[in-house]
Amino acid sequence: DTDYNFDAIIIETSGIADPAGIIQSLLIDETVLNYFQFKKLITVVDASVEIEAMISEHEIYLQQILFADDIYISKMNKKSTSEKSERLMSFL
């Protein structure tokens, strides 16, 4: 039997995932609740995509943003994303 002392566990879902379903799974499982405490939901938003188009194509994309405690924005350093980044920042 090994004791592990974690400061945090990060669950990363690739692509677009339903945050409500993941949070619910973590909060109703007795085994999980005995060992872990849910602290926050972090969402990464890609600044190089058209935010309006992503939301209209994938409603779950908006849910990820709305459920997030923290929002991290990736790919802000690309020159081709400056206009998209401005629209994203005004959206958020």
Protein backbone atom coordinates (compact mmCIF):
# COMPACT_ATOMS: atom_id res chain seq x y z
CA ASP A 1 0.00 0.00 0.00
CA THR A 2 1.51 3.33 -1.08
CA ASP A 3 0.47 6.75 0.16
CA TYR A 4 0.48 9.50 -2.43
CA ASN A 5 0.42 13.16 -1.48
CA PHE A 6 -0.78 15.22 -4.41
CA ASP A 7 -1.25 18.98 -4.33
CA ALA A 8 -3.50 18.79 -7.38
CA ILE A 9 -4.76 16.48 -10.07
CA ILE A 10 -5.53 17.91 -13.48
CA ILE A 11 -8.04 16.19 -15.73
CA GLU A 12 -7.52 17.27 -19.32
CA THR A 13 -10.12 16.49 -21.92
CA SER A 14 -8.94 16.63 -25.50
CA GLY A 15 -11.06 18.84 -27.67
CA ILE A 16 -14.57 19.87 -26.82
CA ALA A 17 -16.08 18.16 -23.79
CA ASP A 18 -19.16 18.71 -21.64
CA PRO A 19 -17.90 20.27 -18.41
CA ALA A 20 -21.18 19.63 -16.55
CA GLY A 21 -20.93 15.88 -17.10
CA ILE A 22 -17.33 15.74 -15.93
CA ILE A 23 -18.00 17.82 -12.81
CA GLN A 24 -21.09 15.78 -11.99
CA SER A 25 -19.11 12.55 -12.28
CA LEU A 26 -16.51 13.88 -9.86
CA LEU A 27 -19.05 15.15 -7.33
CA ILE A 28 -21.32 12.10 -7.08
CA ASP A 29 -18.76 9.31 -6.86
CA GLU A 30 -18.26 8.45 -3.16
CA THR A 31 -14.80 7.01 -3.76
CA VAL A 32 -13.66 10.20 -5.48
CA LEU A 33 -15.22 12.37 -2.76
CA ASN A 34 -13.35 10.45 -0.06
CA TYR A 35 -9.99 11.37 -1.55
CA PHE A 36 -10.41 14.51 -3.66
CA GLN A 37 -11.95 17.94 -3.47
CA PHE A 38 -13.05 19.69 -6.65
CA LYS A 39 -11.62 23.21 -6.62
CA LYS A 40 -12.00 24.78 -10.03
CA LEU A 41 -12.66 24.32 -13.72
CA ILE A 42 -10.11 25.80 -16.10
CA THR A 43 -10.92 26.25 -19.78
CA VAL A 44 -8.38 26.95 -22.51
CA VAL A 45 -9.67 29.08 -25.39
CA ASP A 46 -7.73 29.11 -28.66
CA ALA A 47 -7.29 32.73 -29.79
CA SER A 48 -6.64 31.65 -33.38
CA VAL A 49 -10.21 30.41 -33.96
CA GLU A 50 -13.29 32.45 -34.79
CA ILE A 51 -15.07 32.47 -31.43
CA GLU A 52 -18.52 33.15 -32.90
CA ALA A 53 -18.19 30.33 -35.45
CA MET A 54 -17.00 27.85 -32.81
CA ILE A 55 -19.92 28.67 -30.55
CA SER A 56 -22.47 28.45 -33.35
CA GLU A 57 -21.05 25.08 -34.49
CA HIS A 58 -20.45 23.62 -31.02
CA GLU A 59 -22.76 24.78 -28.22
CA ILE A 60 -20.60 22.87 -25.76
CA TYR A 61 -17.77 25.33 -26.53
CA LEU A 62 -19.83 28.12 -24.94
CA GLN A 63 -20.68 25.85 -21.99
CA GLN A 64 -16.97 25.32 -21.37
CA ILE A 65 -16.48 29.09 -21.19
CA LEU A 66 -19.52 29.69 -19.00
CA PHE A 67 -18.66 26.91 -16.51
CA ALA A 68 -15.02 28.01 -16.18
CA ASP A 69 -13.64 29.45 -12.99
CA ASP A 70 -10.52 30.48 -14.91
CA ILE A 71 -10.06 30.98 -18.66
CA TYR A 72 -6.63 30.60 -20.23
CA ILE A 73 -6.13 31.93 -23.73
CA SER A 74 -3.66 30.15 -25.99
CA LYS A 75 -1.95 31.23 -29.22
CA MET A 76 -2.13 34.95 -28.47
CA ASN A 77 1.40 35.41 -29.81
CA LYS A 78 0.62 34.63 -33.46
CA LYS A 79 0.43 37.66 -35.75
CA SER A 80 -2.44 36.16 -37.74
CA THR A 81 -4.60 36.03 -34.62
CA SER A 82 -4.57 39.70 -33.62
CA GLU A 83 -8.06 40.52 -34.98
CA LYS A 84 -9.49 37.22 -33.73
CA SER A 85 -7.87 37.80 -30.36
CA GLU A 86 -9.45 41.24 -30.06
CA ARG A 87 -12.88 39.78 -30.82
CA LEU A 88 -12.28 36.98 -28.33
CA MET A 89 -11.27 39.42 -25.59
CA SER A 90 -14.35 41.57 -26.23
CA PHE A 91 -16.52 38.43 -26.13
CA LEU A 92 -15.06 37.34 -22.80
